[in-house]
Amino acid sequence: MHDDRLSRAVTVFVWGDPPRSWPSSDPAAVTRLFGDGAAGLLQHIDALVAELNQIPPDDDLIVYGDRIEQALERGHPELDKAAREALANRYTFAWR
């Protein structure tokens, strides 16, 4: 079952609020959106990022992005597709 709040926090963390045209890391956007509840969400996001940092990059960005999405789908069913895609985009964009 998806955690809508966490998924939204991940998406905002990656794309910002208002959304940017490029992915990055924006903890302040999560704080603005979730206020006092942001600390726990950001801890969860930090753990996700630390986990994804262990996935070795690939010269093929499509393969790399797919590898990240598959790891998230297997290990984090609480994230919806938009959150998984956002994290994959964050990594593939940074690797370019």
PDB file of N, CA and C in Angstrom:
ATOM      1  N   MET A   1       0.836  -1.179   0.000  1.00  0.00           N
ATOM      2  CA  MET A   1       0.000   0.000   0.000  1.00  0.00           C
ATOM      3  C   MET A   1       0.886   1.250   0.000  1.00  0.00           C
ATOM      4  N   HIS A   2       0.534   2.206  -0.803  1.00  0.00           N
ATOM      5  CA  HIS A   2       1.315   3.434  -0.937  1.00  0.00           C
ATOM      6  C   HIS A   2       1.084   4.373   0.242  1.00  0.00           C
ATOM      7  N   ASP A   3       2.138   5.041   0.617  1.00  0.00           N
ATOM      8  CA  ASP A   3       2.091   6.095   1.619  1.00  0.00           C
ATOM      9  C   ASP A   3       2.054   7.410   0.846  1.00  0.00           C
ATOM     10  N   ASP A   4       0.857   7.960   0.700  1.00  0.00           N
ATOM     11  CA  ASP A   4       0.685   9.161  -0.125  1.00  0.00           C
ATOM     12  C   ASP A   4       1.495  10.344   0.395  1.00  0.00           C
ATOM     13  N   ARG A   5       1.570  10.468   1.699  1.00  0.00           N
ATOM     14  CA  ARG A   5       2.305  11.595   2.277  1.00  0.00           C
ATOM     15  C   ARG A   5       3.809  11.476   1.994  1.00  0.00           C
ATOM     16  N   LEU A   6       4.367  10.307   2.213  1.00  0.00           N
ATOM     17  CA  LEU A   6       5.789  10.098   1.922  1.00  0.00           C
ATOM     18  C   LEU A   6       6.064  10.253   0.432  1.00  0.00           C
ATOM     19  N   SER A   7       5.203   9.687  -0.392  1.00  0.00           N
ATOM     20  CA  SER A   7       5.398   9.796  -1.846  1.00  0.00           C
ATOM     21  C   SER A   7       5.382  11.258  -2.281  1.00  0.00           C
ATOM     22  N   ARG A   8       4.469  12.038  -1.736  1.00  0.00           N
ATOM     23  CA  ARG A   8       4.401  13.464  -2.076  1.00  0.00           C
ATOM     24  C   ARG A   8       5.663  14.180  -1.589  1.00  0.00           C
ATOM     25  N   ALA A   9       6.127  13.829  -0.398  1.00  0.00           N
ATOM     26  CA  ALA A   9       7.342  14.451   0.143  1.00  0.00           C
ATOM     27  C   ALA A   9       8.550  14.141  -0.741  1.00  0.00           C
ATOM     28  N   VAL A  10       8.661  12.899  -1.203  1.00  0.00           N
ATOM     29  CA  VAL A  10       9.769  12.522  -2.084  1.00  0.00           C
ATOM     30  C   VAL A  10       9.700  13.322  -3.378  1.00  0.00           C
ATOM     31  N   THR A  11       8.524  13.419  -3.953  1.00  0.00           N
ATOM     32  CA  THR A  11       8.354  14.147  -5.208  1.00  0.00           C
ATOM     33  C   THR A  11       8.713  15.623  -5.037  1.00  0.00           C
ATOM     34  N   VAL A  12       8.272  16.218  -3.943  1.00  0.00           N
ATOM     35  CA  VAL A  12       8.591  17.627  -3.672  1.00  0.00           C
ATOM     36  C   VAL A  12      10.079  17.788  -3.384  1.00  0.00           C
ATOM     37  N   PHE A  13      10.674  16.841  -2.688  1.00  0.00           N
ATOM     38  CA  PHE A  13      12.109  16.879  -2.401  1.00  0.00           C
ATOM     39  C   PHE A  13      12.903  16.923  -3.703  1.00  0.00           C
ATOM     40  N   VAL A  14      12.496  16.136  -4.675  1.00  0.00           N
ATOM     41  CA  VAL A  14      13.238  16.045  -5.939  1.00  0.00           C
ATOM     42  C   VAL A  14      12.927  17.223  -6.865  1.00  0.00           C
ATOM     43  N   TRP A  15      11.660  17.565  -7.025  1.00  0.00           N
ATOM     44  CA  TRP A  15      11.277  18.572  -8.021  1.00  0.00           C
ATOM     45  C   TRP A  15      11.091  19.974  -7.458  1.00  0.00           C
ATOM     46  N   GLY A  16      10.959  20.098  -6.136  1.00  0.00           N
ATOM     47  CA  GLY A  16      10.751  21.409  -5.530  1.00  0.00           C
ATOM     48  C   GLY A  16       9.288  21.800  -5.517  1.00  0.00           C
ATOM     49  N   ASP A  17       9.025  22.931  -4.881  1.00  0.00           N
ATOM     50  CA  ASP A  17       7.666  23.474  -4.813  1.00  0.00           C
ATOM     51  C   ASP A  17       7.788  24.989  -4.733  1.00  0.00           C
ATOM     52  N   PRO A  18       7.507  25.698  -5.821  1.00  0.00           N
ATOM     53  CA  PRO A  18       6.964  25.206  -7.090  1.00  0.00           C
ATOM     54  C   PRO A  18       7.994  24.342  -7.827  1.00  0.00           C
ATOM     55  N   PRO A  19       7.467  23.469  -8.681  1.00  0.00           N
ATOM     56  CA  PRO A  19       8.350  22.525  -9.386  1.00  0.00           C
ATOM     57  C   PRO A  19       9.353  23.220 -10.307  1.00  0.00           C
ATOM     58  N   ARG A  20      10.567  22.670 -10.310  1.00  0.00           N
ATOM     59  CA  ARG A  20      11.607  23.107 -11.235  1.00  0.00           C
ATOM     60  C   ARG A  20      11.573  22.212 -12.471  1.00  0.00           C
ATOM     61  N   SER A  21      12.356  22.568 -13.452  1.00  0.00           N
ATOM     62  CA  SER A  21      12.459  21.772 -14.680  1.00  0.00           C
ATOM     63  C   SER A  21      13.520  20.688 -14.561  1.00  0.00           C
ATOM     64  N   TRP A  22      14.263  20.662 -13.473  1.00  0.00           N
ATOM     65  CA  TRP A  22      15.335  19.691 -13.291  1.00  0.00           C
ATOM     66  C   TRP A  22      15.233  19.116 -11.876  1.00  0.00           C
ATOM     67  N   PRO A  23      15.618  17.874 -11.725  1.00  0.00           N
ATOM     68  CA  PRO A  23      15.583  17.253 -10.400  1.00  0.00           C
ATOM     69  C   PRO A  23      16.820  17.616  -9.584  1.00  0.00           C
ATOM     70  N   SER A  24      16.646  17.686  -8.284  1.00  0.00           N
ATOM     71  CA  SER A  24      17.766  17.913  -7.374  1.00  0.00           C
ATOM     72  C   SER A  24      17.337  17.462  -5.980  1.00  0.00           C
ATOM     73  N   SER A  25      17.815  18.128  -4.953  1.00  0.00           N
ATOM     74  CA  SER A  25      17.430  17.834  -3.570  1.00  0.00           C
ATOM     75  C   SER A  25      16.998  19.134  -2.915  1.00  0.00           C
ATOM     76  N   ASP A  26      15.750  19.168  -2.432  1.00  0.00           N
ATOM     77  CA  ASP A  26      15.219  20.396  -1.862  1.00  0.00           C
ATOM     78  C   ASP A  26      14.495  20.103  -0.547  1.00  0.00           C
ATOM     79  N   PRO A  27      15.254  19.879   0.538  1.00  0.00           N
ATOM     80  CA  PRO A  27      14.601  19.613   1.817  1.00  0.00           C
ATOM     81  C   PRO A  27      13.747  20.787   2.299  1.00  0.00           C
ATOM     82  N   ALA A  28      14.120  22.006   1.925  1.00  0.00           N
ATOM     83  CA  ALA A  28      13.333  23.176   2.345  1.00  0.00           C
ATOM     84  C   ALA A  28      11.919  23.123   1.769  1.00  0.00           C
ATOM     85  N   ALA A  29      11.760  22.593   0.567  1.00  0.00           N
ATOM     86  CA  ALA A  29      10.423  22.479  -0.031  1.00  0.00           C
ATOM     87  C   ALA A  29       9.562  21.512   0.778  1.00  0.00           C
ATOM     88  N   VAL A  30      10.163  20.444   1.271  1.00  0.00           N
ATOM     89  CA  VAL A  30       9.429  19.484   2.109  1.00  0.00           C
ATOM     90  C   VAL A  30       9.017  20.166   3.411  1.00  0.00           C
ATOM     91  N   THR A  31       9.919  20.929   3.993  1.00  0.00           N
ATOM     92  CA  THR A  31       9.615  21.634   5.233  1.00  0.00           C
ATOM     93  C   THR A  31       8.498  22.653   5.031  1.00  0.00           C
ATOM     94  N   ARG A  32       8.545  23.386   3.921  1.00  0.00           N
ATOM     95  CA  ARG A  32       7.486  24.366   3.657  1.00  0.00           C
ATOM     96  C   ARG A  32       6.129  23.681   3.494  1.00  0.00           C
ATOM     97  N   LEU A  33       6.115  22.538   2.849  1.00  0.00           N
ATOM     98  CA  LEU A  33       4.852  21.853   2.570  1.00  0.00           C
ATOM     99  C   LEU A  33       4.306  21.110   3.787  1.00  0.00           C
ATOM    100  N   PHE A  34       5.185  20.497   4.581  1.00  0.00           N
ATOM    101  CA  PHE A  34       4.726  19.623   5.661  1.00  0.00           C
ATOM    102  C   PHE A  34       4.955  20.189   7.059  1.00  0.00           C
ATOM    103  N   GLY A  35       5.613  21.335   7.170  1.00  0.00           N
ATOM    104  CA  GLY A  35       5.789  21.980   8.471  1.00  0.00           C
ATOM    105  C   GLY A  35       6.447  21.075   9.488  1.00  0.00           C
ATOM    106  N   ASP A  36       5.826  20.963  10.662  1.00  0.00           N
ATOM    107  CA  ASP A  36       6.396  20.179  11.764  1.00  0.00           C
ATOM    108  C   ASP A  36       6.543  18.705  11.421  1.00  0.00           C
ATOM    109  N   GLY A  37       5.759  18.194  10.490  1.00  0.00           N
ATOM    110  CA  GLY A  37       5.848  16.786  10.104  1.00  0.00           C
ATOM    111  C   GLY A  37       6.974  16.488   9.135  1.00  0.00           C
ATOM    112  N   ALA A  38       7.696  17.510   8.725  1.00  0.00           N
ATOM    113  CA  ALA A  38       8.739  17.315   7.710  1.00  0.00           C
ATOM    114  C   ALA A  38       9.948  16.552   8.236  1.00  0.00           C
ATOM    115  N   ALA A  39      10.272  16.690   9.508  1.00  0.00           N
ATOM    116  CA  ALA A  39      11.500  16.078  10.041  1.00  0.00           C
ATOM    117  C   ALA A  39      11.498  14.566   9.833  1.00  0.00           C
ATOM    118  N   GLY A  40      10.416  13.902  10.165  1.00  0.00           N
ATOM    119  CA  GLY A  40      10.341  12.455   9.984  1.00  0.00           C
ATOM    120  C   GLY A  40      10.377  12.061   8.522  1.00  0.00           C
ATOM    121  N   LEU A  41       9.711  12.837   7.693  1.00  0.00           N
ATOM    122  CA  LEU A  41       9.721  12.556   6.253  1.00  0.00           C
ATOM    123  C   LEU A  41      11.131  12.720   5.684  1.00  0.00           C
ATOM    124  N   LEU A  42      11.820  13.758   6.108  1.00  0.00           N
ATOM    125  CA  LEU A  42      13.181  13.990   5.617  1.00  0.00           C
ATOM    126  C   LEU A  42      14.144  12.902   6.095  1.00  0.00           C
ATOM    127  N   GLN A  43      13.936  12.372   7.292  1.00  0.00           N
ATOM    128  CA  GLN A  43      14.760  11.249   7.752  1.00  0.00           C
ATOM    129  C   GLN A  43      14.551  10.039   6.846  1.00  0.00           C
ATOM    130  N   HIS A  44      13.295   9.796   6.488  1.00  0.00           N
ATOM    131  CA  HIS A  44      12.980   8.672   5.606  1.00  0.00           C
ATOM    132  C   HIS A  44      13.614   8.904   4.231  1.00  0.00           C
ATOM    133  N   ILE A  45      13.505  10.120   3.724  1.00  0.00           N
ATOM    134  CA  ILE A  45      14.092  10.446   2.421  1.00  0.00           C
ATOM    135  C   ILE A  45      15.616  10.301   2.467  1.00  0.00           C
ATOM    136  N   ASP A  46      16.231  10.765   3.543  1.00  0.00           N
ATOM    137  CA  ASP A  46      17.684  10.610   3.687  1.00  0.00           C
ATOM    138  C   ASP A  46      18.084   9.138   3.653  1.00  0.00           C
ATOM    139  N   ALA A  47      17.287   8.284   4.290  1.00  0.00           N
ATOM    140  CA  ALA A  47      17.581   6.843   4.285  1.00  0.00           C
ATOM    141  C   ALA A  47      17.438   6.274   2.876  1.00  0.00           C
ATOM    142  N   LEU A  48      16.424   6.729   2.138  1.00  0.00           N
ATOM    143  CA  LEU A  48      16.252   6.286   0.751  1.00  0.00           C
ATOM    144  C   LEU A  48      17.445   6.701  -0.095  1.00  0.00           C
ATOM    145  N   VAL A  49      17.858   7.946   0.041  1.00  0.00           N
ATOM    146  CA  VAL A  49      18.992   8.461  -0.737  1.00  0.00           C
ATOM    147  C   VAL A  49      20.258   7.680  -0.395  1.00  0.00           C
ATOM    148  N   ALA A  50      20.485   7.420   0.891  1.00  0.00           N
ATOM    149  CA  ALA A  50      21.677   6.654   1.295  1.00  0.00           C
ATOM    150  C   ALA A  50      21.645   5.256   0.680  1.00  0.00           C
ATOM    151  N   GLU A  51      20.480   4.657   0.651  1.00  0.00           N
ATOM    152  CA  GLU A  51      20.341   3.330   0.041  1.00  0.00           C
ATOM    153  C   GLU A  51      20.617   3.385  -1.458  1.00  0.00           C
ATOM    154  N   LEU A  52      20.063   4.372  -2.122  1.00  0.00           N
ATOM    155  CA  LEU A  52      20.240   4.487  -3.572  1.00  0.00           C
ATOM    156  C   LEU A  52      21.671   4.857  -3.942  1.00  0.00           C
ATOM    157  N   ASN A  53      22.374   5.527  -3.046  1.00  0.00           N
ATOM    158  CA  ASN A  53      23.771   5.859  -3.303  1.00  0.00           C
ATOM    159  C   ASN A  53      24.643   4.610  -3.438  1.00  0.00           C
ATOM    160  N   GLN A  54      24.145   3.481  -2.963  1.00  0.00           N
ATOM    161  CA  GLN A  54      24.887   2.228  -3.034  1.00  0.00           C
ATOM    162  C   GLN A  54      24.740   1.534  -4.391  1.00  0.00           C
ATOM    163  N   ILE A  55      23.799   1.998  -5.212  1.00  0.00           N
ATOM    164  CA  ILE A  55      23.600   1.396  -6.539  1.00  0.00           C
ATOM    165  C   ILE A  55      24.629   1.999  -7.491  1.00  0.00           C
ATOM    166  N   PRO A  56      25.477   1.153  -8.068  1.00  0.00           N
ATOM    167  CA  PRO A  56      26.518   1.701  -8.940  1.00  0.00           C
ATOM    168  C   PRO A  56      25.918   2.320 -10.206  1.00  0.00           C
ATOM    169  N   PRO A  57      26.452   3.466 -10.620  1.00  0.00           N
ATOM    170  CA  PRO A  57      25.974   4.089 -11.852  1.00  0.00           C
ATOM    171  C   PRO A  57      26.275   3.211 -13.064  1.00  0.00           C
ATOM    172  N   ASP A  58      25.593   3.506 -14.130  1.00  0.00           N
ATOM    173  CA  ASP A  58      25.786   2.780 -15.384  1.00  0.00           C
ATOM    174  C   ASP A  58      25.990   3.807 -16.485  1.00  0.00           C
ATOM    175  N   ASP A  59      26.802   3.468 -17.481  1.00  0.00           N
ATOM    176  CA  ASP A  59      27.012   4.376 -18.612  1.00  0.00           C
ATOM    177  C   ASP A  59      25.721   4.620 -19.382  1.00  0.00           C
ATOM    178  N   ASP A  60      24.814   3.660 -19.338  1.00  0.00           N
ATOM    179  CA  ASP A  60      23.517   3.785 -19.992  1.00  0.00           C
ATOM    180  C   ASP A  60      22.527   4.322 -18.965  1.00  0.00           C
ATOM    181  N   LEU A  61      22.108   5.584 -19.154  1.00  0.00           N
ATOM    182  CA  LEU A  61      21.232   6.220 -18.170  1.00  0.00           C
ATOM    183  C   LEU A  61      19.870   5.540 -18.068  1.00  0.00           C
ATOM    184  N   ILE A  62      19.400   4.949 -19.140  1.00  0.00           N
ATOM    185  CA  ILE A  62      18.125   4.232 -19.092  1.00  0.00           C
ATOM    186  C   ILE A  62      18.255   3.011 -18.189  1.00  0.00           C
ATOM    187  N   VAL A  63      19.339   2.281 -18.349  1.00  0.00           N
ATOM    188  CA  VAL A  63      19.590   1.105 -17.511  1.00  0.00           C
ATOM    189  C   VAL A  63      19.731   1.530 -16.051  1.00  0.00           C
ATOM    190  N   TYR A  64      20.466   2.592 -15.808  1.00  0.00           N
ATOM    191  CA  TYR A  64      20.678   3.094 -14.455  1.00  0.00           C
ATOM    192  C   TYR A  64      19.349   3.503 -13.815  1.00  0.00           C
ATOM    193  N   GLY A  65      18.556   4.279 -14.532  1.00  0.00           N
ATOM    194  CA  GLY A  65      17.251   4.697 -14.020  1.00  0.00           C
ATOM    195  C   GLY A  65      16.339   3.516 -13.746  1.00  0.00           C
ATOM    196  N   ASP A  66      16.332   2.550 -14.655  1.00  0.00           N
ATOM    197  CA  ASP A  66      15.515   1.348 -14.457  1.00  0.00           C
ATOM    198  C   ASP A  66      15.978   0.574 -13.231  1.00  0.00           C
ATOM    199  N   ARG A  67      17.283   0.483 -13.040  1.00  0.00           N
ATOM    200  CA  ARG A  67      17.838  -0.232 -11.888  1.00  0.00           C
ATOM    201  C   ARG A  67      17.380   0.426 -10.579  1.00  0.00           C
ATOM    202  N   ILE A  68      17.386   1.740 -10.554  1.00  0.00           N
ATOM    203  CA  ILE A  68      16.943   2.467  -9.362  1.00  0.00           C
ATOM    204  C   ILE A  68      15.455   2.249  -9.125  1.00  0.00           C
ATOM    205  N   GLU A  69      14.650   2.400 -10.166  1.00  0.00           N
ATOM    206  CA  GLU A  69      13.202   2.195 -10.010  1.00  0.00           C
ATOM    207  C   GLU A  69      12.882   0.779  -9.555  1.00  0.00           C
ATOM    208  N   GLN A  70      13.573  -0.211 -10.103  1.00  0.00           N
ATOM    209  CA  GLN A  70      13.322  -1.602  -9.705  1.00  0.00           C
ATOM    210  C   GLN A  70      13.703  -1.834  -8.248  1.00  0.00           C
ATOM    211  N   ALA A  71      14.810  -1.255  -7.809  1.00  0.00           N
ATOM    212  CA  ALA A  71      15.215  -1.396  -6.407  1.00  0.00           C
ATOM    213  C   ALA A  71      14.170  -0.769  -5.486  1.00  0.00           C
ATOM    214  N   LEU A  72      13.644   0.369  -5.888  1.00  0.00           N
ATOM    215  CA  LEU A  72      12.618   1.034  -5.087  1.00  0.00           C
ATOM    216  C   LEU A  72      11.307   0.246  -5.099  1.00  0.00           C
ATOM    217  N   GLU A  73      10.953  -0.273  -6.237  1.00  0.00           N
ATOM    218  CA  GLU A  73       9.706  -1.042  -6.333  1.00  0.00           C
ATOM    219  C   GLU A  73       9.775  -2.293  -5.453  1.00  0.00           C
ATOM    220  N   ARG A  74      10.919  -2.961  -5.466  1.00  0.00           N
ATOM    221  CA  ARG A  74      11.099  -4.172  -4.644  1.00  0.00           C
ATOM    222  C   ARG A  74      11.178  -3.834  -3.157  1.00  0.00           C
ATOM    223  N   GLY A  75      11.964  -2.837  -2.820  1.00  0.00           N
ATOM    224  CA  GLY A  75      12.253  -2.566  -1.421  1.00  0.00           C
ATOM    225  C   GLY A  75      11.378  -1.533  -0.747  1.00  0.00           C
ATOM    226  N   HIS A  76      10.640  -0.770  -1.560  1.00  0.00           N
ATOM    227  CA  HIS A  76       9.843   0.323  -0.991  1.00  0.00           C
ATOM    228  C   HIS A  76       8.480   0.437  -1.670  1.00  0.00           C
ATOM    229  N   PRO A  77       7.622  -0.557  -1.434  1.00  0.00           N
ATOM    230  CA  PRO A  77       6.297  -0.527  -2.050  1.00  0.00           C
ATOM    231  C   PRO A  77       5.431   0.620  -1.537  1.00  0.00           C
ATOM    232  N   GLU A  78       5.893   1.296  -0.472  1.00  0.00           N
ATOM    233  CA  GLU A  78       5.136   2.435   0.051  1.00  0.00           C
ATOM    234  C   GLU A  78       5.221   3.649  -0.875  1.00  0.00           C
ATOM    235  N   LEU A  79       6.187   3.644  -1.793  1.00  0.00           N
ATOM    236  CA  LEU A  79       6.331   4.765  -2.728  1.00  0.00           C
ATOM    237  C   LEU A  79       5.503   4.535  -3.977  1.00  0.00           C
ATOM    238  N   ASP A  80       4.812   5.569  -4.406  1.00  0.00           N
ATOM    239  CA  ASP A  80       4.056   5.447  -5.652  1.00  0.00           C
ATOM    240  C   ASP A  80       4.999   5.626  -6.846  1.00  0.00           C
ATOM    241  N   LYS A  81       4.458   5.415  -8.024  1.00  0.00           N
ATOM    242  CA  LYS A  81       5.262   5.468  -9.247  1.00  0.00           C
ATOM    243  C   LYS A  81       5.912   6.842  -9.440  1.00  0.00           C
ATOM    244  N   ALA A  82       5.184   7.907  -9.153  1.00  0.00           N
ATOM    245  CA  ALA A  82       5.731   9.258  -9.322  1.00  0.00           C
ATOM    246  C   ALA A  82       6.951   9.478  -8.433  1.00  0.00           C
ATOM    247  N   ALA A  83       6.912   8.989  -7.204  1.00  0.00           N
ATOM    248  CA  ALA A  83       8.051   9.144  -6.293  1.00  0.00           C
ATOM    249  C   ALA A  83       9.240   8.318  -6.769  1.00  0.00           C
ATOM    250  N   ARG A  84       8.974   7.085  -7.214  1.00  0.00           N
ATOM    251  CA  ARG A  84      10.073   6.246  -7.729  1.00  0.00           C
ATOM    252  C   ARG A  84      10.710   6.886  -8.949  1.00  0.00           C
ATOM    253  N   GLU A  85       9.886   7.395  -9.850  1.00  0.00           N
ATOM    254  CA  GLU A  85      10.407   8.049 -11.059  1.00  0.00           C
ATOM    255  C   GLU A  85      11.191   9.310 -10.696  1.00  0.00           C
ATOM    256  N   ALA A  86      10.709  10.062  -9.718  1.00  0.00           N
ATOM    257  CA  ALA A  86      11.398  11.286  -9.311  1.00  0.00           C
ATOM    258  C   ALA A  86      12.807  10.955  -8.812  1.00  0.00           C
ATOM    259  N   LEU A  87      12.920   9.941  -7.962  1.00  0.00           N
ATOM    260  CA  LEU A  87      14.241   9.566  -7.462  1.00  0.00           C
ATOM    261  C   LEU A  87      15.138   9.058  -8.585  1.00  0.00           C
ATOM    262  N   ALA A  88      14.590   8.273  -9.484  1.00  0.00           N
ATOM    263  CA  ALA A  88      15.389   7.792 -10.621  1.00  0.00           C
ATOM    264  C   ALA A  88      15.869   8.976 -11.459  1.00  0.00           C
ATOM    265  N   ASN A  89      15.007   9.946 -11.688  1.00  0.00           N
ATOM    266  CA  ASN A  89      15.395  11.132 -12.455  1.00  0.00           C
ATOM    267  C   ASN A  89      16.479  11.919 -11.743  1.00  0.00           C
ATOM    268  N   ARG A  90      16.389  12.006 -10.429  1.00  0.00           N
ATOM    269  CA  ARG A  90      17.409  12.720  -9.650  1.00  0.00           C
ATOM    270  C   ARG A  90      18.780  12.098  -9.886  1.00  0.00           C
ATOM    271  N   TYR A  91      18.843  10.784  -9.881  1.00  0.00           N
ATOM    272  CA  TYR A  91      20.130  10.107 -10.062  1.00  0.00           C
ATOM    273  C   TYR A  91      20.617  10.157 -11.505  1.00  0.00           C
ATOM    274  N   THR A  92      19.754   9.933 -12.459  1.00  0.00           N
ATOM    275  CA  THR A  92      20.214   9.945 -13.835  1.00  0.00           C
ATOM    276  C   THR A  92      20.601  11.358 -14.274  1.00  0.00           C
ATOM    277  N   PHE A  93      19.901  12.369 -13.801  1.00  0.00           N
ATOM    278  CA  PHE A  93      20.239  13.748 -14.143  1.00  0.00           C
ATOM    279  C   PHE A  93      21.602  14.110 -13.561  1.00  0.00           C
ATOM    280  N   ALA A  94      21.841  13.715 -12.317  1.00  0.00           N
ATOM    281  CA  ALA A  94      23.112  14.040 -11.654  1.00  0.00           C
ATOM    282  C   ALA A  94      24.282  13.316 -12.315  1.00  0.00           C
ATOM    283  N   TRP A  95      24.019  12.168 -12.919  1.00  0.00           N
ATOM    284  CA  TRP A  95      25.082  11.358 -13.510  1.00  0.00           C
ATOM    285  C   TRP A  95      25.484  11.876 -14.887  1.00  0.00           C
ATOM    286  N   ARG A  96      24.657  12.694 -15.512  1.00  0.00           N
ATOM    287  CA  ARG A  96      24.945  13.174 -16.873  1.00  0.00           C
ATOM    288  C   ARG A  96      26.203  13.962 -16.947  1.00  0.00           C
TER     289      ARG A  96
END
